C-alpha atoms as a PDB file:
ATOM      1  CA  MET A   1     -26.390 -30.285  76.424  1.00  0.00           C
ATOM      2  CA  ALA A   2     -22.459 -30.244  76.990  1.00  0.00           C
ATOM      3  CA  ARG A   3     -21.252 -26.941  75.537  1.00  0.00           C
ATOM      4  CA  THR A   4     -17.828 -26.629  77.779  1.00  0.00           C
ATOM      5  CA  LEU A   5     -15.759 -28.700  78.054  1.00  0.00           C
ATOM      6  CA  ASP A   6     -16.350 -28.580  82.551  1.00  0.00           C
ATOM      7  CA  ASP A   7     -19.302 -30.169  81.172  1.00  0.00           C
ATOM      8  CA  LEU A   8     -17.687 -32.981  79.376  1.00  0.00           C
ATOM      9  CA  ALA A   9     -15.892 -33.595  82.318  1.00  0.00           C
ATOM     10  CA  GLU A  10     -18.645 -33.321  84.987  1.00  0.00           C
ATOM     11  CA  LEU A  11     -20.756 -35.806  82.578  1.00  0.00           C
ATOM     12  CA  SER A  12     -17.218 -38.691  81.796  1.00  0.00           C
ATOM     13  CA  GLY A  13     -16.431 -38.037  85.366  1.00  0.00           C
ATOM     14  CA  VAL A  14     -12.854 -37.216  84.099  1.00  0.00           C
ATOM     15  CA  SER A  15     -10.836 -33.441  84.289  1.00  0.00           C
ATOM     16  CA  ARG A  16     -11.051 -31.061  82.461  1.00  0.00           C
ATOM     17  CA  ALA A  17      -7.787 -31.556  80.838  1.00  0.00           C
ATOM     18  CA  THR A  18      -8.603 -35.541  79.880  1.00  0.00           C
ATOM     19  CA  VAL A  19     -11.375 -34.270  77.520  1.00  0.00           C
ATOM     20  CA  SER A  20      -8.890 -31.570  75.957  1.00  0.00           C
ATOM     21  CA  ARG A  21      -6.098 -34.526  75.408  1.00  0.00           C
ATOM     22  CA  VAL A  22      -9.627 -36.351  73.709  1.00  0.00           C
ATOM     23  CA  ILE A  23     -10.481 -33.948  71.884  1.00  0.00           C
ATOM     24  CA  ASN A  24      -7.012 -33.074  69.937  1.00  0.00           C
ATOM     25  CA  GLY A  25      -5.619 -36.225  69.930  1.00  0.00           C
ATOM     26  CA  GLY A  26      -3.093 -36.263  73.360  1.00  0.00           C
ATOM     27  CA  SER A  27      -2.246 -39.364  75.021  1.00  0.00           C
ATOM     28  CA  VAL A  28      -5.174 -41.081  77.075  1.00  0.00           C
ATOM     29  CA  SER A  29      -6.145 -44.883  78.261  1.00  0.00           C
ATOM     30  CA  GLU A  30      -8.047 -46.170  75.536  1.00  0.00           C
ATOM     31  CA  GLU A  31     -11.347 -46.798  78.045  1.00  0.00           C
ATOM     32  CA  THR A  32     -11.032 -43.267  79.190  1.00  0.00           C
ATOM     33  CA  ARG A  33     -10.971 -42.145  75.420  1.00  0.00           C
ATOM     34  CA  ARG A  34     -14.147 -44.248  74.604  1.00  0.00           C
ATOM     35  CA  ARG A  35     -15.898 -43.052  77.904  1.00  0.00           C
ATOM     36  CA  VAL A  36     -15.196 -39.358  77.007  1.00  0.00           C
ATOM     37  CA  LEU A  37     -16.196 -40.398  72.984  1.00  0.00           C
ATOM     38  CA  GLU A  38     -19.792 -41.576  74.139  1.00  0.00           C
ATOM     39  CA  VAL A  39     -20.420 -38.697  75.752  1.00  0.00           C
ATOM     40  CA  ILE A  40     -19.478 -35.692  73.802  1.00  0.00           C
ATOM     41  CA  GLU A  41     -21.517 -38.031  71.039  1.00  0.00           C
ATOM     42  CA  GLY A  42     -24.670 -38.270  73.233  1.00  0.00           C
ATOM     43  CA  THR A  43     -24.723 -35.236  74.319  1.00  0.00           C
ATOM     44  CA  ASN A  44     -23.876 -33.563  70.276  1.00  0.00           C
ATOM     45  CA  TYR A  45     -21.157 -31.614  71.909  1.00  0.00           C
ATOM     46  CA  ARG A  46     -19.003 -29.437  68.507  1.00  0.00           C
ATOM     47  CA  PRO A  47     -16.330 -27.656  70.068  1.00  0.00           C
ATOM     48  CA  ASN A  48     -15.462 -23.767  69.129  1.00  0.00           C
ATOM     49  CA  LEU A  49     -13.223 -24.254  67.088  1.00  0.00           C
ATOM     50  CA  ALA A  50     -12.393 -20.895  66.760  1.00  0.00           C
ATOM     51  CA  ALA A  51     -11.706 -20.311  70.361  1.00  0.00           C
ATOM     52  CA  ARG A  52      -9.746 -23.523  70.083  1.00  0.00           C
ATOM     53  CA  SER A  53      -7.749 -21.813  67.394  1.00  0.00           C
ATOM     54  CA  LEU A  54      -6.929 -18.558  69.350  1.00  0.00           C
ATOM     55  CA  ALA A  55      -5.754 -20.828  72.310  1.00  0.00           C
ATOM     56  CA  SER A  56      -3.756 -22.617  70.498  1.00  0.00           C
ATOM     57  CA  GLY A  57      -2.287 -21.385  68.338  1.00  0.00           C
ATOM     58  CA  ARG A  58      -3.175 -24.073  65.521  1.00  0.00           C
ATOM     59  CA  THR A  59      -5.992 -23.836  63.389  1.00  0.00           C
ATOM     60  CA  GLY A  60      -7.077 -27.902  63.318  1.00  0.00           C
ATOM     61  CA  VAL A  61      -6.877 -27.845  59.086  1.00  0.00           C
ATOM     62  CA  VAL A  62      -3.967 -29.920  57.552  1.00  0.00           C
ATOM     63  CA  GLY A  63      -2.947 -29.086  54.052  1.00  0.00           C
ATOM     64  CA  VAL A  64      -2.503 -32.214  51.427  1.00  0.00           C
ATOM     65  CA  VAL A  65      -0.271 -31.145  48.333  1.00  0.00           C
ATOM     66  CA  MET A  66      -0.475 -33.275  45.285  1.00  0.00           C
ATOM     67  CA  HIS A  67       0.255 -31.521  42.285  1.00  0.00           C
ATOM     68  CA  VAL A  68      -1.229 -33.071  39.755  1.00  0.00           C
ATOM     69  CA  ALA A  69      -4.511 -32.405  37.385  1.00  0.00           C
ATOM     70  CA  PRO A  70      -7.953 -32.635  38.833  1.00  0.00           C
ATOM     71  CA  PRO A  71      -8.730 -35.304  36.580  1.00  0.00           C
ATOM     72  CA  VAL A  72      -4.818 -37.610  37.175  1.00  0.00           C
ATOM     73  CA  LEU A  73      -5.816 -37.470  40.986  1.00  0.00           C
ATOM     74  CA  PHE A  74      -9.162 -38.959  41.190  1.00  0.00           C
ATOM     75  CA  GLU A  75      -8.792 -41.263  37.769  1.00  0.00           C
ATOM     76  CA  ASP A  76      -5.994 -42.418  39.384  1.00  0.00           C
ATOM     77  CA  SER A  77      -6.328 -45.263  41.626  1.00  0.00           C
ATOM     78  CA  TYR A  78      -2.902 -44.501  43.095  1.00  0.00           C
ATOM     79  CA  PHE A  79      -2.931 -41.582  43.811  1.00  0.00           C
ATOM     80  CA  VAL A  80      -7.393 -42.033  45.459  1.00  0.00           C
ATOM     81  CA  ALA A  81      -5.479 -44.526  47.685  1.00  0.00           C
ATOM     82  CA  LEU A  82      -3.428 -42.661  48.856  1.00  0.00           C
ATOM     83  CA  LEU A  83      -5.927 -39.078  49.704  1.00  0.00           C
ATOM     84  CA  HIS A  84      -8.498 -41.959  51.468  1.00  0.00           C
ATOM     85  CA  GLY A  85      -5.144 -42.645  54.017  1.00  0.00           C
ATOM     86  CA  VAL A  86      -4.402 -39.911  54.385  1.00  0.00           C
ATOM     87  CA  SER A  87      -8.350 -38.353  54.786  1.00  0.00           C
ATOM     88  CA  ASP A  88      -9.098 -41.344  57.561  1.00  0.00           C
ATOM     89  CA  VAL A  89      -6.728 -40.280  60.006  1.00  0.00           C
ATOM     90  CA  LEU A  90      -7.404 -36.797  59.598  1.00  0.00           C
ATOM     91  CA  ALA A  91     -11.750 -37.539  60.024  1.00  0.00           C
ATOM     92  CA  ASP A  92     -10.332 -39.930  62.840  1.00  0.00           C
ATOM     93  CA  ARG A  93      -8.722 -36.820  64.527  1.00  0.00           C
ATOM     94  CA  ALA A  94     -10.909 -34.877  64.314  1.00  0.00           C
ATOM     95  CA  SER A  95      -8.801 -32.519  61.621  1.00  0.00           C
ATOM     96  CA  GLY A  96      -9.983 -30.438  58.841  1.00  0.00           C
ATOM     97  CA  MET A  97      -8.158 -31.010  55.208  1.00  0.00           C
ATOM     98  CA  MET A  98      -7.458 -28.489  52.468  1.00  0.00           C
ATOM     99  CA  LEU A  99      -6.354 -29.870  49.122  1.00  0.00           C
ATOM    100  CA  TRP A 100      -4.140 -28.278  46.796  1.00  0.00           C
ATOM    101  CA  LEU A 101      -4.115 -29.893  43.117  1.00  0.00           C
ATOM    102  CA  GLY A 102      -2.095 -28.839  40.151  1.00  0.00           C
ATOM    103  CA  ASN A 103      -4.359 -26.269  39.328  1.00  0.00           C
ATOM    104  CA  ARG A 104      -1.024 -23.608  39.124  1.00  0.00           C
ATOM    105  CA  SER A 105       2.654 -23.647  38.732  1.00  0.00           C
ATOM    106  CA  LYS A 106       4.896 -25.155  41.640  1.00  0.00           C
ATOM    107  CA  GLU A 107       5.557 -21.810  42.520  1.00  0.00           C
ATOM    108  CA  GLU A 108       2.224 -20.065  42.460  1.00  0.00           C
ATOM    109  CA  THR A 109       0.932 -22.990  44.376  1.00  0.00           C
ATOM    110  CA  LEU A 110       3.854 -22.398  46.762  1.00  0.00           C
ATOM    111  CA  ASP A 111       3.604 -19.088  47.002  1.00  0.00           C
ATOM    112  CA  ARG A 112      -0.620 -19.778  48.214  1.00  0.00           C
ATOM    113  CA  ILE A 113       0.305 -22.167  50.893  1.00  0.00           C
ATOM    114  CA  LEU A 114       2.575 -19.898  52.411  1.00  0.00           C
ATOM    115  CA  GLY A 115       1.087 -17.090  52.296  1.00  0.00           C
ATOM    116  CA  THR A 116      -2.675 -18.165  53.893  1.00  0.00           C
ATOM    117  CA  GLY A 117      -1.639 -18.693  57.247  1.00  0.00           C
ATOM    118  CA  LEU A 118      -4.629 -21.398  57.420  1.00  0.00           C
ATOM    119  CA  MET A 119      -2.774 -24.725  58.167  1.00  0.00           C
ATOM    120  CA  ASP A 120      -1.020 -26.004  60.369  1.00  0.00           C
ATOM    121  CA  GLY A 121       1.062 -27.998  58.167  1.00  0.00           C
ATOM    122  CA  VAL A 122       1.213 -29.806  54.979  1.00  0.00           C
ATOM    123  CA  ILE A 123       1.904 -33.157  53.224  1.00  0.00           C
ATOM    124  CA  VAL A 124       3.009 -33.378  49.809  1.00  0.00           C
ATOM    125  CA  SER A 125       3.159 -35.650  46.742  1.00  0.00           C
ATOM    126  CA  ALA A 126       7.130 -35.613  46.261  1.00  0.00           C
ATOM    127  CA  ASP A 127       7.211 -37.496  43.137  1.00  0.00           C
ATOM    128  CA  ASN A 128      10.507 -34.954  41.914  1.00  0.00           C
ATOM    129  CA  LEU A 129      13.891 -35.304  42.951  1.00  0.00           C
ATOM    130  CA  ASP A 130      14.244 -32.244  42.060  1.00  0.00           C
ATOM    131  CA  ASP A 131      11.109 -29.492  43.085  1.00  0.00           C
ATOM    132  CA  PRO A 132      10.203 -26.265  43.608  1.00  0.00           C
ATOM    133  CA  LEU A 133       7.198 -26.783  45.818  1.00  0.00           C
ATOM    134  CA  VAL A 134       9.132 -29.686  48.081  1.00  0.00           C
ATOM    135  CA  ASP A 135      11.947 -27.969  48.312  1.00  0.00           C
ATOM    136  CA  GLY A 136      10.479 -24.478  49.708  1.00  0.00           C
ATOM    137  CA  LEU A 137       8.292 -25.935  52.034  1.00  0.00           C
ATOM    138  CA  LEU A 138      11.033 -27.956  53.270  1.00  0.00           C
ATOM    139  CA  ALA A 139      12.338 -24.983  54.069  1.00  0.00           C
ATOM    140  CA  SER A 140       9.838 -22.592  55.321  1.00  0.00           C
ATOM    141  CA  ASP A 141       8.416 -22.579  58.739  1.00  0.00           C
ATOM    142  CA  LEU A 142       5.355 -24.953  58.575  1.00  0.00           C
ATOM    143  CA  PRO A 143       5.486 -28.572  59.577  1.00  0.00           C
ATOM    144  CA  THR A 144       6.061 -31.170  56.489  1.00  0.00           C
ATOM    145  CA  VAL A 145       5.591 -34.816  55.412  1.00  0.00           C
ATOM    146  CA  LEU A 146       6.401 -36.231  52.488  1.00  0.00           C
ATOM    147  CA  ILE A 147       4.932 -38.697  51.009  1.00  0.00           C
ATOM    148  CA  GLY A 148       8.386 -39.819  49.436  1.00  0.00           C
ATOM    149  CA  HIS A 149      12.113 -38.850  50.528  1.00  0.00           C
ATOM    150  CA  ARG A 150      14.554 -36.337  50.856  1.00  0.00           C
ATOM    151  CA  ARG A 151      17.451 -38.720  52.537  1.00  0.00           C
ATOM    152  CA  SER A 152      20.149 -36.351  51.918  1.00  0.00           C
ATOM    153  CA  ASP A 153      18.094 -33.719  54.308  1.00  0.00           C
ATOM    154  CA  LEU A 154      18.371 -34.236  57.867  1.00  0.00           C
ATOM    155  CA  THR A 155      15.775 -32.061  58.886  1.00  0.00           C
ATOM    156  CA  ALA A 156      12.871 -33.907  56.310  1.00  0.00           C
ATOM    157  CA  SER A 157       9.902 -35.858  57.525  1.00  0.00           C
ATOM    158  CA  TYR A 158       8.848 -38.300  55.584  1.00  0.00           C
ATOM    159  CA  VAL A 159       6.797 -41.693  54.526  1.00  0.00           C
ATOM    160  CA  ASP A 160       8.399 -43.625  51.932  1.00  0.00           C
ATOM    161  CA  ILE A 161       9.281 -48.019  51.241  1.00  0.00           C
ATOM    162  CA  ASP A 162      12.617 -49.020  49.903  1.00  0.00           C
ATOM    163  CA  ASN A 163      11.785 -48.165  46.278  1.00  0.00           C
ATOM    164  CA  ILE A 164      15.422 -49.930  45.514  1.00  0.00           C
ATOM    165  CA  GLY A 165      15.896 -52.919  47.295  1.00  0.00           C
ATOM    166  CA  ALA A 166      12.007 -53.819  45.622  1.00  0.00           C
ATOM    167  CA  ALA A 167      12.937 -53.460  42.494  1.00  0.00           C
ATOM    168  CA  ASP A 168      15.841 -55.590  43.198  1.00  0.00           C
ATOM    169  CA  THR A 169      13.376 -58.590  44.885  1.00  0.00           C
ATOM    170  CA  VAL A 170      11.238 -58.215  41.343  1.00  0.00           C
ATOM    171  CA  THR A 171      14.163 -58.592  38.716  1.00  0.00           C
ATOM    172  CA  THR A 172      15.757 -61.039  41.450  1.00  0.00           C
ATOM    173  CA  HIS A 173      12.391 -63.083  41.469  1.00  0.00           C
ATOM    174  CA  LEU A 174      12.710 -62.734  37.349  1.00  0.00           C
ATOM    175  CA  ILE A 175      16.372 -63.909  37.196  1.00  0.00           C
ATOM    176  CA  ASP A 176      16.310 -67.207  39.670  1.00  0.00           C
ATOM    177  CA  LEU A 177      12.873 -67.875  37.071  1.00  0.00           C
ATOM    178  CA  GLY A 178      15.980 -68.782  34.736  1.00  0.00           C
ATOM    179  CA  ARG A 179      15.704 -65.211  32.642  1.00  0.00           C
ATOM    180  CA  THR A 180      18.595 -63.929  30.910  1.00  0.00           C
ATOM    181  CA  ARG A 181      17.225 -61.004  28.917  1.00  0.00           C
ATOM    182  CA  VAL A 182      15.140 -59.347  32.238  1.00  0.00           C
ATOM    183  CA  GLY A 183      14.176 -55.650  30.227  1.00  0.00           C
ATOM    184  CA  HIS A 184      12.844 -53.019  32.454  1.00  0.00           C
ATOM    185  CA  ILE A 185      10.281 -50.340  31.437  1.00  0.00           C
ATOM    186  CA  THR A 186      11.034 -47.284  33.632  1.00  0.00           C
ATOM    187  CA  GLY A 187       8.769 -44.965  35.734  1.00  0.00           C
ATOM    188  CA  ARG A 188       9.078 -41.292  34.922  1.00  0.00           C
ATOM    189  CA  LEU A 189      12.949 -40.347  34.985  1.00  0.00           C
ATOM    190  CA  GLY A 190      13.969 -37.696  37.319  1.00  0.00           C
ATOM    191  CA  SER A 191      10.923 -39.277  39.839  1.00  0.00           C
ATOM    192  CA  VAL A 192      11.958 -40.873  43.352  1.00  0.00           C
ATOM    193  CA  ALA A 193      10.208 -43.967  42.516  1.00  0.00           C
ATOM    194  CA  GLY A 194      11.728 -43.976  39.161  1.00  0.00           C
ATOM    195  CA  GLU A 195      15.114 -43.535  40.170  1.00  0.00           C
ATOM    196  CA  ASP A 196      14.784 -45.649  42.684  1.00  0.00           C
ATOM    197  CA  ARG A 197      13.472 -48.642  40.916  1.00  0.00           C
ATOM    198  CA  LEU A 198      15.631 -48.048  38.318  1.00  0.00           C
ATOM    199  CA  THR A 199      18.618 -48.549  40.107  1.00  0.00           C
ATOM    200  CA  GLY A 200      17.122 -51.523  42.161  1.00  0.00           C
ATOM    201  CA  TYR A 201      16.670 -52.809  38.645  1.00  0.00           C
ATOM    202  CA  ARG A 202      20.271 -52.743  37.973  1.00  0.00           C
ATOM    203  CA  ARG A 203      21.818 -53.924  40.784  1.00  0.00           C
ATOM    204  CA  ALA A 204      19.611 -57.380  40.599  1.00  0.00           C
ATOM    205  CA  MET A 205      20.744 -57.520  37.007  1.00  0.00           C
ATOM    206  CA  GLN A 206      24.870 -56.495  37.564  1.00  0.00           C
ATOM    207  CA  ARG A 207      24.570 -58.967  40.755  1.00  0.00           C
ATOM    208  CA  ALA A 208      23.661 -62.065  38.074  1.00  0.00           C
ATOM    209  CA  GLY A 209      26.264 -61.159  36.124  1.00  0.00           C
ATOM    210  CA  LEU A 210      23.428 -60.109  33.187  1.00  0.00           C
ATOM    211  CA  GLU A 211      24.067 -56.287  31.485  1.00  0.00           C
ATOM    212  CA  PRO A 212      21.077 -54.057  32.720  1.00  0.00           C
ATOM    213  CA  GLU A 213      21.931 -51.543  30.004  1.00  0.00           C
ATOM    214  CA  LEU A 214      20.963 -53.617  27.005  1.00  0.00           C
ATOM    215  CA  PHE A 215      16.936 -53.759  27.717  1.00  0.00           C
ATOM    216  CA  VAL A 216      16.145 -50.503  29.716  1.00  0.00           C
ATOM    217  CA  VAL A 217      13.667 -48.061  27.756  1.00  0.00           C
ATOM    218  CA  GLU A 218      12.007 -45.582  29.540  1.00  0.00           C
ATOM    219  CA  GLY A 219       8.487 -45.280  30.267  1.00  0.00           C
ATOM    220  CA  ASP A 220       6.790 -42.508  32.940  1.00  0.00           C
ATOM    221  CA  PHE A 221       4.133 -45.287  34.422  1.00  0.00           C
ATOM    222  CA  THR A 222       1.282 -44.655  31.907  1.00  0.00           C
ATOM    223  CA  ARG A 223      -0.488 -47.308  30.136  1.00  0.00           C
ATOM    224  CA  PRO A 224       0.222 -45.913  26.800  1.00  0.00           C
ATOM    225  CA  THR A 225       4.340 -45.936  27.576  1.00  0.00           C
ATOM    226  CA  GLY A 226       3.663 -49.397  29.091  1.00  0.00           C
ATOM    227  CA  VAL A 227       1.983 -50.469  25.055  1.00  0.00           C
ATOM    228  CA  ALA A 228       4.920 -48.276  23.471  1.00  0.00           C
ATOM    229  CA  ALA A 229       7.729 -49.903  25.038  1.00  0.00           C
ATOM    230  CA  ALA A 230       7.292 -53.382  25.439  1.00  0.00           C
ATOM    231  CA  ALA A 231       6.954 -53.832  21.933  1.00  0.00           C
ATOM    232  CA  LYS A 232      10.498 -52.013  22.103  1.00  0.00           C
ATOM    233  CA  LEU A 233      11.986 -54.771  24.149  1.00  0.00           C
ATOM    234  CA  LEU A 234       9.984 -57.513  22.964  1.00  0.00           C
ATOM    235  CA  GLU A 235      11.785 -56.590  19.292  1.00  0.00           C
ATOM    236  CA  LEU A 236      15.021 -56.955  21.760  1.00  0.00           C
ATOM    237  CA  GLY A 237      14.065 -60.063  22.221  1.00  0.00           C
ATOM    238  CA  VAL A 238      13.655 -60.507  25.683  1.00  0.00           C
ATOM    239  CA  ASP A 239      11.929 -63.423  27.959  1.00  0.00           C
ATOM    240  CA  ALA A 240      10.925 -61.258  30.939  1.00  0.00           C
ATOM    241  CA  ILE A 241       9.858 -57.494  32.245  1.00  0.00           C
ATOM    242  CA  PHE A 242       9.503 -55.899  34.551  1.00  0.00           C
ATOM    243  CA  CYS A 243       7.583 -52.944  34.744  1.00  0.00           C
ATOM    244  CA  ALA A 244       8.280 -49.712  37.345  1.00  0.00           C
ATOM    245  CA  ASN A 245       4.147 -49.805  38.387  1.00  0.00           C
ATOM    246  CA  ASP A 246       1.321 -51.590  37.570  1.00  0.00           C
ATOM    247  CA  ALA A 247      -0.698 -49.495  34.765  1.00  0.00           C
ATOM    248  CA  THR A 248       2.586 -50.308  33.210  1.00  0.00           C
ATOM    249  CA  ALA A 249       2.290 -53.406  32.620  1.00  0.00           C
ATOM    250  CA  SER A 250      -0.889 -53.737  32.104  1.00  0.00           C
ATOM    251  CA  GLY A 251      -0.300 -51.757  28.448  1.00  0.00           C
ATOM    252  CA  ALA A 252       3.213 -54.164  28.240  1.00  0.00           C
ATOM    253  CA  LEU A 253       0.454 -57.146  28.458  1.00  0.00           C
ATOM    254  CA  GLU A 254      -1.889 -55.639  25.940  1.00  0.00           C
ATOM    255  CA  ARG A 255       1.481 -55.604  23.594  1.00  0.00           C
ATOM    256  CA  ILE A 256       2.375 -59.064  24.063  1.00  0.00           C
ATOM    257  CA  ASN A 257      -0.661 -60.144  23.790  1.00  0.00           C
ATOM    258  CA  ALA A 258      -0.837 -58.445  20.338  1.00  0.00           C
ATOM    259  CA  ALA A 259       2.230 -59.619  19.151  1.00  0.00           C
ATOM    260  CA  GLY A 260       0.796 -63.392  19.942  1.00  0.00           C
ATOM    261  CA  LEU A 261       3.003 -64.020  22.653  1.00  0.00           C
ATOM    262  CA  ASP A 262       2.148 -65.830  26.425  1.00  0.00           C
ATOM    263  CA  VAL A 263       2.716 -64.611  28.913  1.00  0.00           C
ATOM    264  CA  PRO A 264       4.375 -65.815  31.423  1.00  0.00           C
ATOM    265  CA  LYS A 265       5.755 -69.069  28.703  1.00  0.00           C
ATOM    266  CA  ASP A 266       7.034 -66.711  26.366  1.00  0.00           C
ATOM    267  CA  VAL A 267       7.674 -63.337  28.510  1.00  0.00           C
ATOM    268  CA  ALA A 268       7.301 -63.422  32.548  1.00  0.00           C
ATOM    269  CA  LEU A 269       5.542 -60.553  33.160  1.00  0.00           C
ATOM    270  CA  ALA A 270       6.042 -58.238  36.867  1.00  0.00           C
ATOM    271  CA  GLY A 271       4.615 -54.719  37.586  1.00  0.00           C
ATOM    272  CA  PHE A 272       4.742 -52.325  41.144  1.00  0.00           C
ATOM    273  CA  ASP A 273       1.908 -51.459  43.654  1.00  0.00           C
ATOM    274  CA  ASP A 274       0.305 -54.327  43.429  1.00  0.00           C
ATOM    275  CA  LEU A 275      -2.870 -52.084  43.202  1.00  0.00           C
ATOM    276  CA  PRO A 276      -6.580 -53.646  41.686  1.00  0.00           C
ATOM    277  CA  VAL A 277      -6.000 -53.861  38.723  1.00  0.00           C
ATOM    278  CA  ALA A 278      -3.309 -55.807  38.996  1.00  0.00           C
ATOM    279  CA  SER A 279      -4.965 -59.228  40.088  1.00  0.00           C
ATOM    280  CA  GLU A 280      -7.674 -58.298  37.902  1.00  0.00           C
ATOM    281  CA  LEU A 281      -5.111 -59.187  34.837  1.00  0.00           C
ATOM    282  CA  SER A 282      -5.419 -62.113  32.569  1.00  0.00           C
ATOM    283  CA  PRO A 283      -3.159 -63.500  33.623  1.00  0.00           C
ATOM    284  CA  PRO A 284      -3.265 -62.008  37.604  1.00  0.00           C
ATOM    285  CA  LEU A 285      -0.267 -59.830  37.418  1.00  0.00           C
ATOM    286  CA  THR A 286       2.978 -60.957  39.450  1.00  0.00           C
ATOM    287  CA  THR A 287       4.004 -57.519  41.598  1.00  0.00           C
ATOM    288  CA  MET A 288       5.332 -55.536  44.716  1.00  0.00           C
ATOM    289  CA  ARG A 289       2.696 -54.661  47.013  1.00  0.00           C
ATOM    290  CA  GLN A 290       3.745 -51.432  48.197  1.00  0.00           C
ATOM    291  CA  GLY A 291       0.483 -50.291  50.625  1.00  0.00           C
ATOM    292  CA  VAL A 292       0.105 -47.052  48.967  1.00  0.00           C
ATOM    293  CA  HIS A 293      -3.134 -46.899  51.365  1.00  0.00           C
ATOM    294  CA  ALA A 294      -1.392 -47.398  54.517  1.00  0.00           C
ATOM    295  CA  GLN A 295       1.552 -44.268  52.795  1.00  0.00           C
ATOM    296  CA  GLY A 296      -1.718 -41.895  53.339  1.00  0.00           C
ATOM    297  CA  ILE A 297      -2.258 -43.484  56.901  1.00  0.00           C
ATOM    298  CA  GLU A 298       1.359 -43.195  58.488  1.00  0.00           C
ATOM    299  CA  SER A 299       2.206 -39.717  56.184  1.00  0.00           C
ATOM    300  CA  ALA A 300      -0.931 -38.184  57.807  1.00  0.00           C
ATOM    301  CA  SER A 301      -0.049 -39.671  61.570  1.00  0.00           C
ATOM    302  CA  ALA A 302       3.207 -39.056  61.147  1.00  0.00           C
ATOM    303  CA  LEU A 303       2.564 -34.941  60.569  1.00  0.00           C
ATOM    304  CA  LEU A 304      -0.093 -34.456  63.437  1.00  0.00           C
ATOM    305  CA  SER A 305       2.965 -36.384  65.925  1.00  0.00           C
ATOM    306  CA  LEU A 306       5.035 -33.469  64.313  1.00  0.00           C
ATOM    307  CA  LEU A 307       2.797 -31.239  65.286  1.00  0.00           C
ATOM    308  CA  GLU A 308       2.018 -32.391  68.483  1.00  0.00           C
ATOM    309  CA  SER A 309       5.509 -32.937  69.856  1.00  0.00           C
ATOM    310  CA  PRO A 310       7.809 -30.642  67.513  1.00  0.00           C
ATOM    311  CA  GLU A 311      10.595 -30.994  69.702  1.00  0.00           C
ATOM    312  CA  GLY A 312      10.647 -35.093  68.840  1.00  0.00           C
ATOM    313  CA  GLY A 313      12.473 -34.061  65.377  1.00  0.00           C
ATOM    314  CA  PRO A 314      12.209 -35.266  61.863  1.00  0.00           C
ATOM    315  CA  ARG A 315       9.981 -38.381  61.493  1.00  0.00           C
ATOM    316  CA  ARG A 316      11.075 -40.706  58.928  1.00  0.00           C
ATOM    317  CA  VAL A 317       8.870 -43.916  58.468  1.00  0.00           C
ATOM    318  CA  LEU A 318      10.121 -46.760  55.898  1.00  0.00           C
ATOM    319  CA  LEU A 319       6.947 -49.158  55.343  1.00  0.00           C
ATOM    320  CA  PRO A 320       7.781 -53.079  54.365  1.00  0.00           C
ATOM    321  CA  THR A 321       7.096 -54.178  50.789  1.00  0.00           C
ATOM    322  CA  GLU A 322       5.423 -57.950  50.113  1.00  0.00           C
ATOM    323  CA  LEU A 323       6.382 -59.499  46.890  1.00  0.00           C
ATOM    324  CA  VAL A 324       3.248 -61.226  45.114  1.00  0.00           C
ATOM    325  CA  ILE A 325       3.521 -63.620  42.704  1.00  0.00           C
ATOM    326  CA  ARG A 326       0.876 -64.621  40.674  1.00  0.00           C
ATOM    327  CA  GLN A 327       0.714 -66.145  36.668  1.00  0.00           C
ATOM    328  CA  SER A 328       1.888 -63.499  34.925  1.00  0.00           C
ATOM    329  CA  THR A 329       5.519 -64.959  36.315  1.00  0.00           C
ATOM    330  CA  VAL A 330       4.782 -68.425  37.832  1.00  0.00           C
ATOM    331  CA  GLY A 331       1.456 -69.732  35.370  1.00  0.00           C
ATOM    332  CA  GLY A 332      -0.751 -72.175  36.832  1.00  0.00           C
ATOM    333  CA  LEU A 333      -0.501 -70.734  39.765  1.00  0.00           C
ATOM    334  CA  SER A 334      -3.589 -69.317  42.228  1.00  0.00           C
ATOM    335  CA  GLY A 335      -3.499 -66.616  43.575  1.00  0.00           C
END
């Protein structure tokens, strides 16, 4: 059995420093990494985490902060996909994860996170534009990566998408189909995604010479508000609806069907996220794919990069989106 880094180095035919880089996720060739990892697996080597922490000043534990109630986290496919991406990277890099949910107020959660001293850094879901938890983490010395953005804070590291441009693209798709009374069911106003997607909708409507404020109904990213908001938009005579996410769109579809109207003949319908529900609806939903799992992967990778090379400055990742066109806007289209 290999009990020390020197043992691993001898068995792998590399230096002790190279073995250390492999274990700690540093830069080595893929061939070298594979050889060292095979020796580690074959000898059942287990690093002394306490000794590593004392030597490096790091614990090997990353905090993941999603300030939502536990049932919401594990029942909402958005958060499940996000957490899946984060955990994939941390597991691959042998980092532990400490999960913080919305069991306490944001102020209490912030105090507890900063008071533990157990985490090397945190990944936090930055849902709201005004958030004492996010603002407190950014103001602290704890390395922090946001899922969401604070573009006005030049020191903030974040992973996000261009919600404004993506919402513009979805709305433009509906307008290009000849729809002139395009409604929008917003996300939660005050949230990063909700406000940005509303801005994108307005931009596309104004560019087409259409009045954007006539057909906007506030939602909160949930199916029930999709049902209620769609009822209001149908009373206004819309011929298309862009929903701020797929859950809202599923509720809107329920209400449109209940009114005896056809999608997309009478009302074209589009969502945002491209979570599994989108392709399972009848008709399948046109939506903006934003790669939620990839956001989790990139946020964890950005934090580990920030920890390894803090002198490199803030990490800012803007991921691509893709409009996925299905039958809810173009009837008879396969896919």
